[in-house]
Amino acid sequence: MPNKRPPKVRERGRPPRLDARAARSQLALGRALVALMTDTAFDAITVQQVLDRAGVGRATFYAHFRNKDDLLLSDADRFISMLGRHFAGVAAGTTRVAPIVELFTHVEDVARFIDALARSGRQEAVHDLLMAHLAQMIEQRLTVLVPPAVAPPLGLDVSARICAAMAMELLRWFHEHRHETTPRAMEQRFHAMVWRGLPGVVPSA
């Protein structure tokens, strides 16, 4: 993964306002592209194939997306934002800093798509987006959990990006070894490493 600051993401919990019809159309288009990618090389997929599978008109597609690459990243952003909103609710009162078990369970469920994403040449763009979201989630949780008196020397923002990078490396490893372990075991390993490197908070198991 490139050694650079992750791209900015929209403020979590405040997605763009869409009417119900537009939201359904975008969801259908995203699902259609993901389904096509499991059987067809990304560069060979046409916008018309996506439209036909989704049952959406061309004008609707171009009202929201520039091309299929834009659709892919927008669909990934939609999913990750939804995951972030879910995590904000379930993490309250815990020492969890990232939705590792939920994310890894999803990766386990869509393994064929993850392989297709790697073949497509768009994997790094999606990974950069995911890392940016994870860094944001982790920084918000560390702000709550780490007392100011014991804040890490590099600051919470840099520490959050380091933890996000660690999560992404674990995610890559898990995809290749998913039959050897479980998402919950990976979550435990991740958080053990986080709190070993960030003193000041003792997880409540």
N, C-alpha and C. Protein backbone atom coordinates (compact mmCIF):
# COMPACT_ATOMS: atom_id res chain seq x y z
N MET A 1 0.84 -1.19 0.00
CA MET A 1 0.00 0.00 0.00
C MET A 1 0.88 1.25 0.00
N PRO A 2 0.57 2.28 -0.79
CA PRO A 2 1.40 3.47 -0.84
C PRO A 2 1.56 4.09 0.55
N ASN A 3 2.74 4.62 0.83
CA ASN A 3 3.01 5.25 2.11
C ASN A 3 2.58 6.71 2.03
N LYS A 4 1.32 6.95 2.21
CA LYS A 4 0.79 8.30 2.11
C LYS A 4 -0.40 8.43 3.03
N ARG A 5 -0.73 9.68 3.33
CA ARG A 5 -1.88 9.93 4.19
C ARG A 5 -3.14 9.50 3.45
N PRO A 6 -4.03 8.75 4.12
CA PRO A 6 -5.23 8.29 3.44
C PRO A 6 -6.07 9.46 2.95
N PRO A 7 -6.86 9.26 1.90
CA PRO A 7 -7.71 10.33 1.40
C PRO A 7 -8.77 10.70 2.42
N LYS A 8 -9.23 11.93 2.33
CA LYS A 8 -10.29 12.37 3.24
C LYS A 8 -11.59 11.64 2.92
N VAL A 9 -12.38 11.41 3.95
CA VAL A 9 -13.67 10.79 3.75
C VAL A 9 -14.73 11.70 4.31
N ARG A 10 -15.96 11.50 3.88
CA ARG A 10 -17.05 12.31 4.40
C ARG A 10 -17.21 12.05 5.89
N GLU A 11 -17.70 13.05 6.60
CA GLU A 11 -17.92 12.90 8.03
C GLU A 11 -18.87 11.74 8.25
N ARG A 12 -18.45 10.80 9.09
CA ARG A 12 -19.25 9.60 9.34
C ARG A 12 -20.57 9.98 9.98
N GLY A 13 -21.62 9.31 9.52
CA GLY A 13 -22.95 9.57 10.08
C GLY A 13 -23.71 10.62 9.30
N ARG A 14 -23.06 11.27 8.30
CA ARG A 14 -23.74 12.28 7.52
C ARG A 14 -23.57 12.01 6.04
N PRO A 15 -24.16 10.92 5.53
CA PRO A 15 -24.07 10.63 4.10
C PRO A 15 -24.90 11.62 3.31
N PRO A 16 -24.60 11.78 2.01
CA PRO A 16 -25.41 12.70 1.20
C PRO A 16 -26.88 12.30 1.24
N ARG A 17 -27.75 13.29 1.25
CA ARG A 17 -29.18 13.01 1.28
C ARG A 17 -29.65 12.50 -0.09
N LEU A 18 -30.33 11.39 -0.12
CA LEU A 18 -30.88 10.84 -1.35
C LEU A 18 -32.34 10.53 -1.11
N ASP A 19 -33.15 10.73 -2.16
CA ASP A 19 -34.52 10.26 -2.01
C ASP A 19 -34.52 8.75 -2.14
N ALA A 20 -35.61 8.12 -1.73
CA ALA A 20 -35.66 6.66 -1.66
C ALA A 20 -35.42 6.03 -3.03
N ARG A 21 -35.95 6.63 -4.07
CA ARG A 21 -35.80 6.05 -5.41
C ARG A 21 -34.33 6.09 -5.86
N ALA A 22 -33.66 7.22 -5.63
CA ALA A 22 -32.26 7.34 -6.01
C ALA A 22 -31.40 6.36 -5.22
N ALA A 23 -31.71 6.22 -3.93
CA ALA A 23 -30.95 5.29 -3.09
C ALA A 23 -31.11 3.86 -3.59
N ARG A 24 -32.33 3.48 -3.96
CA ARG A 24 -32.57 2.13 -4.49
C ARG A 24 -31.82 1.91 -5.79
N SER A 25 -31.80 2.92 -6.64
CA SER A 25 -31.11 2.80 -7.92
C SER A 25 -29.61 2.62 -7.71
N GLN A 26 -29.04 3.41 -6.82
CA GLN A 26 -27.60 3.31 -6.57
C GLN A 26 -27.25 1.96 -5.97
N LEU A 27 -28.09 1.47 -5.06
CA LEU A 27 -27.85 0.16 -4.46
C LEU A 27 -27.92 -0.93 -5.52
N ALA A 28 -28.91 -0.86 -6.41
CA ALA A 28 -29.07 -1.86 -7.45
C ALA A 28 -27.88 -1.84 -8.41
N LEU A 29 -27.41 -0.65 -8.75
CA LEU A 29 -26.26 -0.54 -9.65
C LEU A 29 -25.00 -1.12 -9.00
N GLY A 30 -24.80 -0.83 -7.73
CA GLY A 30 -23.63 -1.36 -7.03
C GLY A 30 -23.66 -2.88 -6.97
N ARG A 31 -24.82 -3.43 -6.64
CA ARG A 31 -24.95 -4.88 -6.56
C ARG A 31 -24.75 -5.52 -7.93
N ALA A 32 -25.23 -4.87 -8.97
CA ALA A 32 -25.07 -5.41 -10.32
C ALA A 32 -23.60 -5.47 -10.71
N LEU A 33 -22.86 -4.40 -10.41
CA LEU A 33 -21.44 -4.38 -10.76
C LEU A 33 -20.68 -5.45 -9.99
N VAL A 34 -20.95 -5.58 -8.70
CA VAL A 34 -20.28 -6.60 -7.89
C VAL A 34 -20.56 -8.00 -8.44
N ALA A 35 -21.82 -8.26 -8.80
CA ALA A 35 -22.18 -9.57 -9.33
C ALA A 35 -21.46 -9.85 -10.66
N LEU A 36 -21.40 -8.85 -11.52
CA LEU A 36 -20.74 -9.03 -12.81
C LEU A 36 -19.24 -9.27 -12.64
N MET A 37 -18.64 -8.61 -11.65
CA MET A 37 -17.20 -8.74 -11.45
C MET A 37 -16.77 -10.14 -11.05
N THR A 38 -17.67 -10.91 -10.45
CA THR A 38 -17.29 -12.27 -10.03
C THR A 38 -17.15 -13.22 -11.21
N ASP A 39 -17.71 -12.83 -12.37
CA ASP A 39 -17.66 -13.71 -13.54
C ASP A 39 -16.99 -13.09 -14.76
N THR A 40 -16.80 -11.77 -14.74
CA THR A 40 -16.29 -11.07 -15.91
C THR A 40 -15.16 -10.12 -15.51
N ALA A 41 -14.12 -10.05 -16.32
CA ALA A 41 -13.02 -9.11 -16.06
C ALA A 41 -13.57 -7.69 -16.01
N PHE A 42 -13.10 -6.91 -15.05
CA PHE A 42 -13.66 -5.56 -14.84
C PHE A 42 -13.59 -4.73 -16.12
N ASP A 43 -12.45 -4.75 -16.80
CA ASP A 43 -12.30 -3.93 -18.00
C ASP A 43 -13.22 -4.37 -19.13
N ALA A 44 -13.72 -5.61 -19.07
CA ALA A 44 -14.62 -6.11 -20.12
C ALA A 44 -16.09 -5.78 -19.81
N ILE A 45 -16.38 -5.36 -18.60
CA ILE A 45 -17.76 -5.04 -18.23
C ILE A 45 -18.14 -3.69 -18.82
N THR A 46 -19.28 -3.62 -19.45
CA THR A 46 -19.77 -2.36 -20.02
C THR A 46 -20.81 -1.75 -19.09
N VAL A 47 -20.96 -0.45 -19.20
CA VAL A 47 -22.01 0.23 -18.43
C VAL A 47 -23.37 -0.34 -18.78
N GLN A 48 -23.57 -0.68 -20.06
CA GLN A 48 -24.87 -1.22 -20.46
C GLN A 48 -25.16 -2.54 -19.76
N GLN A 49 -24.14 -3.38 -19.58
CA GLN A 49 -24.34 -4.64 -18.85
C GLN A 49 -24.78 -4.37 -17.41
N VAL A 50 -24.18 -3.37 -16.79
CA VAL A 50 -24.56 -3.01 -15.42
C VAL A 50 -26.01 -2.51 -15.40
N LEU A 51 -26.36 -1.68 -16.37
CA LEU A 51 -27.72 -1.14 -16.44
C LEU A 51 -28.74 -2.26 -16.63
N ASP A 52 -28.44 -3.18 -17.53
CA ASP A 52 -29.37 -4.27 -17.81
C ASP A 52 -29.58 -5.14 -16.57
N ARG A 53 -28.50 -5.43 -15.87
CA ARG A 53 -28.61 -6.30 -14.69
C ARG A 53 -29.34 -5.59 -13.55
N ALA A 54 -29.12 -4.27 -13.42
CA ALA A 54 -29.74 -3.52 -12.33
C ALA A 54 -31.16 -3.08 -12.66
N GLY A 55 -31.51 -3.06 -13.94
CA GLY A 55 -32.83 -2.57 -14.32
C GLY A 55 -32.95 -1.07 -14.14
N VAL A 56 -31.86 -0.36 -14.44
CA VAL A 56 -31.80 1.08 -14.25
C VAL A 56 -31.47 1.74 -15.58
N GLY A 57 -32.01 2.92 -15.82
CA GLY A 57 -31.77 3.62 -17.07
C GLY A 57 -30.43 4.32 -17.12
N ARG A 58 -29.96 4.58 -18.35
CA ARG A 58 -28.66 5.21 -18.55
C ARG A 58 -28.63 6.62 -17.94
N ALA A 59 -29.70 7.36 -18.10
CA ALA A 59 -29.74 8.72 -17.56
C ALA A 59 -29.59 8.71 -16.04
N THR A 60 -30.21 7.74 -15.40
CA THR A 60 -30.09 7.63 -13.94
C THR A 60 -28.66 7.32 -13.54
N PHE A 61 -28.01 6.42 -14.28
CA PHE A 61 -26.61 6.09 -13.98
C PHE A 61 -25.74 7.33 -14.03
N TYR A 62 -25.82 8.08 -15.13
CA TYR A 62 -24.92 9.21 -15.31
C TYR A 62 -25.34 10.43 -14.47
N ALA A 63 -26.50 10.37 -13.87
CA ALA A 63 -26.88 11.42 -12.92
C ALA A 63 -26.09 11.29 -11.62
N HIS A 64 -25.57 10.07 -11.36
CA HIS A 64 -24.88 9.82 -10.09
C HIS A 64 -23.41 9.44 -10.26
N PHE A 65 -23.04 8.84 -11.41
CA PHE A 65 -21.69 8.31 -11.56
C PHE A 65 -21.10 8.74 -12.90
N ARG A 66 -19.78 8.93 -12.89
CA ARG A 66 -19.09 9.29 -14.14
C ARG A 66 -18.86 8.06 -15.01
N ASN A 67 -18.55 6.93 -14.35
CA ASN A 67 -18.22 5.70 -15.07
C ASN A 67 -18.28 4.55 -14.08
N LYS A 68 -17.90 3.35 -14.50
CA LYS A 68 -18.01 2.18 -13.64
C LYS A 68 -16.98 2.21 -12.50
N ASP A 69 -15.82 2.88 -12.72
CA ASP A 69 -14.85 3.03 -11.64
C ASP A 69 -15.44 3.89 -10.53
N ASP A 70 -16.12 4.95 -10.92
CA ASP A 70 -16.78 5.82 -9.94
C ASP A 70 -17.85 5.04 -9.18
N LEU A 71 -18.60 4.21 -9.89
CA LEU A 71 -19.62 3.37 -9.25
C LEU A 71 -18.98 2.42 -8.24
N LEU A 72 -17.86 1.80 -8.61
CA LEU A 72 -17.20 0.85 -7.71
C LEU A 72 -16.77 1.53 -6.42
N LEU A 73 -16.12 2.68 -6.52
CA LEU A 73 -15.65 3.37 -5.33
C LEU A 73 -16.83 3.94 -4.52
N SER A 74 -17.85 4.40 -5.21
CA SER A 74 -19.02 4.93 -4.50
C SER A 74 -19.74 3.83 -3.73
N ASP A 75 -19.83 2.64 -4.34
CA ASP A 75 -20.48 1.52 -3.66
C ASP A 75 -19.65 1.08 -2.46
N ALA A 76 -18.32 1.06 -2.61
CA ALA A 76 -17.46 0.72 -1.48
C ALA A 76 -17.60 1.75 -0.37
N ASP A 77 -17.67 3.02 -0.73
CA ASP A 77 -17.82 4.08 0.27
C ASP A 77 -19.15 3.95 1.00
N ARG A 78 -20.20 3.60 0.25
CA ARG A 78 -21.52 3.42 0.87
C ARG A 78 -21.48 2.31 1.90
N PHE A 79 -20.88 1.18 1.53
CA PHE A 79 -20.82 0.05 2.46
C PHE A 79 -20.00 0.39 3.70
N ILE A 80 -18.83 1.00 3.50
CA ILE A 80 -17.95 1.30 4.63
C ILE A 80 -18.59 2.34 5.54
N SER A 81 -19.27 3.32 4.96
CA SER A 81 -19.96 4.32 5.78
C SER A 81 -21.06 3.67 6.61
N MET A 82 -21.79 2.74 6.01
CA MET A 82 -22.84 2.02 6.74
C MET A 82 -22.24 1.21 7.88
N LEU A 83 -21.09 0.56 7.62
CA LEU A 83 -20.40 -0.20 8.64
C LEU A 83 -19.95 0.72 9.78
N GLY A 84 -19.47 1.91 9.43
CA GLY A 84 -19.03 2.85 10.44
C GLY A 84 -20.16 3.31 11.33
N ARG A 85 -21.33 3.56 10.75
CA ARG A 85 -22.48 3.97 11.56
C ARG A 85 -22.92 2.85 12.49
N HIS A 86 -22.90 1.61 11.99
CA HIS A 86 -23.22 0.46 12.84
C HIS A 86 -22.23 0.36 13.99
N PHE A 87 -20.94 0.51 13.69
CA PHE A 87 -19.92 0.36 14.71
C PHE A 87 -20.03 1.44 15.78
N ALA A 88 -20.37 2.64 15.37
CA ALA A 88 -20.50 3.73 16.35
C ALA A 88 -21.53 3.38 17.42
N GLY A 89 -22.54 2.61 17.04
CA GLY A 89 -23.57 2.22 18.00
C GLY A 89 -23.13 1.06 18.89
N VAL A 90 -22.53 0.04 18.29
CA VAL A 90 -22.20 -1.16 19.07
C VAL A 90 -20.92 -1.01 19.88
N ALA A 91 -20.06 -0.04 19.54
CA ALA A 91 -18.78 0.10 20.23
C ALA A 91 -18.91 0.86 21.54
N ALA A 92 -19.98 1.61 21.70
CA ALA A 92 -20.16 2.41 22.92
C ALA A 92 -20.10 1.51 24.15
N GLY A 93 -19.31 1.93 25.15
CA GLY A 93 -19.19 1.16 26.37
C GLY A 93 -18.21 0.00 26.29
N THR A 94 -17.48 -0.13 25.18
CA THR A 94 -16.48 -1.19 25.01
C THR A 94 -15.12 -0.54 24.75
N THR A 95 -14.09 -1.38 24.67
CA THR A 95 -12.76 -0.87 24.32
C THR A 95 -12.41 -1.20 22.87
N ARG A 96 -13.40 -1.53 22.05
CA ARG A 96 -13.17 -1.77 20.63
C ARG A 96 -12.87 -0.45 19.93
N VAL A 97 -11.91 -0.48 19.00
CA VAL A 97 -11.60 0.73 18.25
C VAL A 97 -11.91 0.59 16.77
N ALA A 98 -12.20 -0.61 16.30
CA ALA A 98 -12.50 -0.82 14.88
C ALA A 98 -13.40 -2.04 14.72
N PRO A 99 -14.27 -2.04 13.71
CA PRO A 99 -15.21 -3.15 13.49
C PRO A 99 -14.56 -4.32 12.78
N ILE A 100 -13.53 -4.88 13.40
CA ILE A 100 -12.76 -5.95 12.75
C ILE A 100 -13.62 -7.19 12.50
N VAL A 101 -14.35 -7.64 13.51
CA VAL A 101 -15.13 -8.87 13.33
C VAL A 101 -16.18 -8.70 12.24
N GLU A 102 -16.84 -7.54 12.20
CA GLU A 102 -17.86 -7.30 11.17
C GLU A 102 -17.22 -7.22 9.78
N LEU A 103 -16.12 -6.49 9.67
CA LEU A 103 -15.47 -6.34 8.38
C LEU A 103 -14.91 -7.66 7.87
N PHE A 104 -14.25 -8.42 8.74
CA PHE A 104 -13.65 -9.67 8.32
C PHE A 104 -14.73 -10.72 7.98
N THR A 105 -15.85 -10.68 8.70
CA THR A 105 -16.96 -11.57 8.37
C THR A 105 -17.48 -11.27 6.97
N HIS A 106 -17.58 -9.98 6.64
CA HIS A 106 -18.03 -9.59 5.30
C HIS A 106 -17.05 -10.07 4.24
N VAL A 107 -15.76 -9.88 4.50
CA VAL A 107 -14.73 -10.34 3.55
C VAL A 107 -14.82 -11.84 3.34
N GLU A 108 -15.08 -12.56 4.42
CA GLU A 108 -15.24 -14.02 4.33
C GLU A 108 -16.43 -14.38 3.45
N ASP A 109 -17.51 -13.59 3.55
CA ASP A 109 -18.74 -13.88 2.80
C ASP A 109 -18.61 -13.54 1.32
N VAL A 110 -17.74 -12.59 0.98
CA VAL A 110 -17.63 -12.14 -0.42
C VAL A 110 -16.23 -12.44 -0.97
N ALA A 111 -15.69 -13.59 -0.61
CA ALA A 111 -14.32 -13.94 -1.01
C ALA A 111 -14.14 -13.90 -2.53
N ARG A 112 -15.15 -14.36 -3.28
CA ARG A 112 -15.03 -14.36 -4.74
C ARG A 112 -14.91 -12.94 -5.28
N PHE A 113 -15.65 -12.02 -4.69
CA PHE A 113 -15.56 -10.63 -5.13
C PHE A 113 -14.20 -10.04 -4.78
N ILE A 114 -13.65 -10.37 -3.61
CA ILE A 114 -12.34 -9.86 -3.23
C ILE A 114 -11.28 -10.33 -4.23
N ASP A 115 -11.38 -11.58 -4.66
CA ASP A 115 -10.45 -12.08 -5.68
C ASP A 115 -10.64 -11.33 -7.00
N ALA A 116 -11.89 -11.07 -7.35
CA ALA A 116 -12.17 -10.34 -8.58
C ALA A 116 -11.65 -8.91 -8.50
N LEU A 117 -11.75 -8.32 -7.32
CA LEU A 117 -11.24 -6.96 -7.13
C LEU A 117 -9.74 -6.92 -7.33
N ALA A 118 -9.04 -7.93 -6.83
CA ALA A 118 -7.58 -8.00 -7.02
C ALA A 118 -7.24 -8.11 -8.50
N ARG A 119 -8.01 -8.91 -9.23
CA ARG A 119 -7.75 -9.07 -10.67
C ARG A 119 -8.06 -7.80 -11.45
N SER A 120 -8.97 -6.99 -10.93
CA SER A 120 -9.43 -5.82 -11.66
C SER A 120 -8.40 -4.70 -11.73
N GLY A 121 -7.42 -4.71 -10.83
CA GLY A 121 -6.46 -3.61 -10.77
C GLY A 121 -6.96 -2.42 -9.98
N ARG A 122 -8.13 -2.56 -9.36
CA ARG A 122 -8.70 -1.45 -8.57
C ARG A 122 -8.59 -1.70 -7.07
N GLN A 123 -7.90 -2.76 -6.69
CA GLN A 123 -7.84 -3.14 -5.28
C GLN A 123 -7.23 -2.05 -4.41
N GLU A 124 -6.15 -1.44 -4.85
CA GLU A 124 -5.47 -0.45 -4.02
C GLU A 124 -6.35 0.77 -3.79
N ALA A 125 -7.12 1.19 -4.79
CA ALA A 125 -8.01 2.34 -4.63
C ALA A 125 -9.06 2.06 -3.57
N VAL A 126 -9.62 0.85 -3.60
CA VAL A 126 -10.62 0.48 -2.59
C VAL A 126 -9.97 0.34 -1.22
N HIS A 127 -8.77 -0.22 -1.17
CA HIS A 127 -8.06 -0.37 0.10
C HIS A 127 -7.72 0.99 0.70
N ASP A 128 -7.31 1.95 -0.14
CA ASP A 128 -7.02 3.30 0.37
C ASP A 128 -8.27 3.93 0.98
N LEU A 129 -9.40 3.73 0.32
CA LEU A 129 -10.66 4.26 0.83
C LEU A 129 -11.02 3.61 2.16
N LEU A 130 -10.89 2.30 2.23
CA LEU A 130 -11.20 1.57 3.46
C LEU A 130 -10.26 2.00 4.59
N MET A 131 -8.98 2.16 4.28
CA MET A 131 -8.03 2.57 5.31
C MET A 131 -8.35 3.96 5.83
N ALA A 132 -8.76 4.86 4.95
CA ALA A 132 -9.13 6.21 5.38
C ALA A 132 -10.30 6.17 6.35
N HIS A 133 -11.31 5.37 6.04
CA HIS A 133 -12.46 5.23 6.93
C HIS A 133 -12.05 4.62 8.26
N LEU A 134 -11.25 3.56 8.20
CA LEU A 134 -10.82 2.90 9.44
C LEU A 134 -10.02 3.86 10.32
N ALA A 135 -9.13 4.64 9.71
CA ALA A 135 -8.34 5.59 10.49
C ALA A 135 -9.25 6.60 11.18
N GLN A 136 -10.29 7.03 10.49
CA GLN A 136 -11.23 7.98 11.08
C GLN A 136 -11.99 7.35 12.24
N MET A 137 -12.48 6.12 12.04
CA MET A 137 -13.19 5.43 13.12
C MET A 137 -12.29 5.24 14.34
N ILE A 138 -11.06 4.79 14.08
CA ILE A 138 -10.14 4.49 15.17
C ILE A 138 -9.76 5.76 15.93
N GLU A 139 -9.51 6.84 15.21
CA GLU A 139 -9.17 8.09 15.90
C GLU A 139 -10.32 8.56 16.78
N GLN A 140 -11.55 8.44 16.30
CA GLN A 140 -12.70 8.84 17.11
C GLN A 140 -12.81 7.99 18.37
N ARG A 141 -12.56 6.68 18.23
CA ARG A 141 -12.64 5.80 19.41
C ARG A 141 -11.48 6.06 20.37
N LEU A 142 -10.27 6.29 19.86
CA LEU A 142 -9.13 6.57 20.73
C LEU A 142 -9.33 7.87 21.49
N THR A 143 -9.98 8.83 20.86
CA THR A 143 -10.26 10.09 21.53
C THR A 143 -11.11 9.87 22.77
N VAL A 144 -12.00 8.88 22.69
CA VAL A 144 -12.86 8.54 23.83
C VAL A 144 -12.12 7.70 24.87
N LEU A 145 -11.28 6.78 24.41
CA LEU A 145 -10.72 5.75 25.29
C LEU A 145 -9.36 6.08 25.90
N VAL A 146 -8.58 6.92 25.25
CA VAL A 146 -7.22 7.20 25.73
C VAL A 146 -7.22 8.50 26.53
N PRO A 147 -6.89 8.46 27.81
CA PRO A 147 -6.83 9.69 28.61
C PRO A 147 -5.80 10.66 28.04
N PRO A 148 -6.09 11.95 28.03
CA PRO A 148 -5.14 12.93 27.47
C PRO A 148 -3.75 12.84 28.09
N ALA A 149 -3.67 12.48 29.37
CA ALA A 149 -2.38 12.43 30.05
C ALA A 149 -1.47 11.33 29.51
N VAL A 150 -2.04 10.33 28.87
CA VAL A 150 -1.22 9.23 28.34
C VAL A 150 -1.35 9.13 26.82
N ALA A 151 -1.70 10.22 26.18
CA ALA A 151 -1.81 10.21 24.72
C ALA A 151 -0.46 9.84 24.11
N PRO A 152 -0.45 9.05 23.04
CA PRO A 152 0.82 8.61 22.42
C PRO A 152 1.61 9.79 21.89
N PRO A 153 2.95 9.70 21.92
CA PRO A 153 3.80 10.81 21.48
C PRO A 153 3.51 11.28 20.06
N LEU A 154 3.14 10.35 19.18
CA LEU A 154 2.89 10.72 17.79
C LEU A 154 1.52 11.37 17.59
N GLY A 155 0.69 11.36 18.63
CA GLY A 155 -0.65 11.92 18.50
C GLY A 155 -1.65 10.86 18.09
N LEU A 156 -2.91 11.11 18.39
CA LEU A 156 -3.94 10.12 18.11
C LEU A 156 -4.17 9.94 16.61
N ASP A 157 -3.99 11.01 15.83
CA ASP A 157 -4.25 10.88 14.39
C ASP A 157 -3.24 9.95 13.73
N VAL A 158 -1.96 10.12 14.04
CA VAL A 158 -0.94 9.24 13.46
C VAL A 158 -1.10 7.82 14.01
N SER A 159 -1.36 7.70 15.31
CA SER A 159 -1.56 6.38 15.91
C SER A 159 -2.75 5.67 15.26
N ALA A 160 -3.80 6.42 14.96
CA ALA A 160 -4.98 5.82 14.31
C ALA A 160 -4.64 5.31 12.93
N ARG A 161 -3.81 6.05 12.17
CA ARG A 161 -3.43 5.60 10.84
C ARG A 161 -2.55 4.36 10.91
N ILE A 162 -1.68 4.30 11.92
CA ILE A 162 -0.86 3.10 12.09
C ILE A 162 -1.73 1.89 12.40
N CYS A 163 -2.73 2.08 13.27
CA CYS A 163 -3.63 0.98 13.61
C CYS A 163 -4.46 0.56 12.40
N ALA A 164 -4.87 1.55 11.58
CA ALA A 164 -5.64 1.23 10.38
C ALA A 164 -4.79 0.44 9.39
N ALA A 165 -3.52 0.82 9.25
CA ALA A 165 -2.62 0.08 8.36
C ALA A 165 -2.44 -1.36 8.86
N MET A 166 -2.35 -1.52 10.18
CA MET A 166 -2.24 -2.85 10.75
C MET A 166 -3.49 -3.67 10.45
N ALA A 167 -4.65 -3.04 10.57
CA ALA A 167 -5.90 -3.74 10.26
C ALA A 167 -5.94 -4.18 8.81
N MET A 168 -5.45 -3.33 7.90
CA MET A 168 -5.46 -3.68 6.48
C MET A 168 -4.51 -4.84 6.19
N GLU A 169 -3.36 -4.88 6.85
CA GLU A 169 -2.45 -6.01 6.64
C GLU A 169 -3.04 -7.30 7.20
N LEU A 170 -3.71 -7.20 8.33
CA LEU A 170 -4.38 -8.38 8.89
C LEU A 170 -5.51 -8.84 7.95
N LEU A 171 -6.18 -7.88 7.33
CA LEU A 171 -7.26 -8.22 6.40
C LEU A 171 -6.72 -8.98 5.20
N ARG A 172 -5.60 -8.52 4.67
CA ARG A 172 -4.98 -9.22 3.54
C ARG A 172 -4.62 -10.66 3.95
N TRP A 173 -4.01 -10.79 5.13
CA TRP A 173 -3.60 -12.11 5.60
C TRP A 173 -4.83 -13.00 5.82
N PHE A 174 -5.87 -12.43 6.40
CA PHE A 174 -7.06 -13.22 6.69
C PHE A 174 -7.71 -13.75 5.42
N HIS A 175 -7.74 -12.93 4.37
CA HIS A 175 -8.35 -13.39 3.12
C HIS A 175 -7.64 -14.62 2.58
N GLU A 176 -6.33 -14.67 2.75
CA GLU A 176 -5.56 -15.81 2.25
C GLU A 176 -5.60 -17.01 3.19
N HIS A 177 -5.91 -16.79 4.47
CA HIS A 177 -5.88 -17.87 5.46
C HIS A 177 -7.22 -18.00 6.20
N ARG A 178 -8.30 -17.61 5.54
CA ARG A 178 -9.59 -17.55 6.24
C ARG A 178 -10.10 -18.91 6.70
N HIS A 179 -9.57 -19.99 6.15
CA HIS A 179 -10.00 -21.32 6.58
C HIS A 179 -9.23 -21.80 7.80
N GLU A 180 -8.26 -20.99 8.24
CA GLU A 180 -7.42 -21.38 9.37
C GLU A 180 -7.81 -20.68 10.67
N THR A 181 -8.64 -19.66 10.59
CA THR A 181 -8.99 -18.88 11.78
C THR A 181 -10.39 -18.29 11.60
N THR A 182 -10.79 -17.39 12.49
CA THR A 182 -12.13 -16.80 12.45
C THR A 182 -12.04 -15.29 12.57
N PRO A 183 -13.06 -14.56 12.11
CA PRO A 183 -13.07 -13.11 12.29
C PRO A 183 -12.95 -12.69 13.76
N ARG A 184 -13.59 -13.42 14.66
CA ARG A 184 -13.51 -13.06 16.08
C ARG A 184 -12.09 -13.23 16.61
N ALA A 185 -11.41 -14.29 16.19
CA ALA A 185 -10.03 -14.47 16.62
C ALA A 185 -9.15 -13.35 16.09
N MET A 186 -9.40 -12.90 14.86
CA MET A 186 -8.62 -11.81 14.29
C MET A 186 -8.89 -10.51 15.02
N GLU A 187 -10.13 -10.30 15.43
CA GLU A 187 -10.45 -9.10 16.21
C GLU A 187 -9.67 -9.09 17.53
N GLN A 188 -9.62 -10.24 18.19
CA GLN A 188 -8.90 -10.32 19.46
C GLN A 188 -7.41 -10.03 19.25
N ARG A 189 -6.84 -10.56 18.18
CA ARG A 189 -5.43 -10.31 17.91
C ARG A 189 -5.18 -8.84 17.61
N PHE A 190 -6.06 -8.25 16.80
CA PHE A 190 -5.92 -6.84 16.45
C PHE A 190 -5.95 -5.96 17.69
N HIS A 191 -6.96 -6.15 18.53
CA HIS A 191 -7.08 -5.28 19.70
C HIS A 191 -5.97 -5.53 20.72
N ALA A 192 -5.48 -6.76 20.81
CA ALA A 192 -4.35 -7.02 21.69
C ALA A 192 -3.13 -6.21 21.24
N MET A 193 -2.90 -6.15 19.93
CA MET A 193 -1.77 -5.38 19.41
C MET A 193 -1.99 -3.89 19.59
N VAL A 194 -3.23 -3.42 19.40
CA VAL A 194 -3.53 -2.00 19.58
C VAL A 194 -3.20 -1.56 20.99
N TRP A 195 -3.73 -2.29 21.97
CA TRP A 195 -3.56 -1.84 23.36
C TRP A 195 -2.17 -2.12 23.89
N ARG A 196 -1.45 -3.04 23.29
CA ARG A 196 -0.05 -3.25 23.67
C ARG A 196 0.79 -2.06 23.22
N GLY A 197 0.42 -1.47 22.10
CA GLY A 197 1.17 -0.33 21.58
C GLY A 197 0.67 1.01 22.05
N LEU A 198 -0.53 1.03 22.66
CA LEU A 198 -1.11 2.30 23.13
C LEU A 198 -1.44 2.17 24.61
N PRO A 199 -0.50 2.44 25.50
CA PRO A 199 -0.75 2.28 26.92
C PRO A 199 -1.75 3.30 27.45
N GLY A 200 -2.31 2.98 28.60
CA GLY A 200 -3.22 3.93 29.24
C GLY A 200 -4.62 3.40 29.41
N VAL A 201 -4.97 2.39 28.64
CA VAL A 201 -6.30 1.80 28.74
C VAL A 201 -6.14 0.29 28.85
N VAL A 202 -6.80 -0.33 29.80
CA VAL A 202 -6.76 -1.78 29.96
C VAL A 202 -8.10 -2.32 29.46
N PRO A 203 -8.12 -3.04 28.34
CA PRO A 203 -9.37 -3.59 27.81
C PRO A 203 -10.09 -4.46 28.83
N SER A 204 -11.41 -4.44 28.79
CA SER A 204 -12.21 -5.23 29.74
C SER A 204 -12.55 -6.58 29.15
N ALA A 205 -11.64 -7.18 28.39
CA ALA A 205 -11.77 -8.54 27.82
C ALA A 205 -12.96 -8.70 26.90
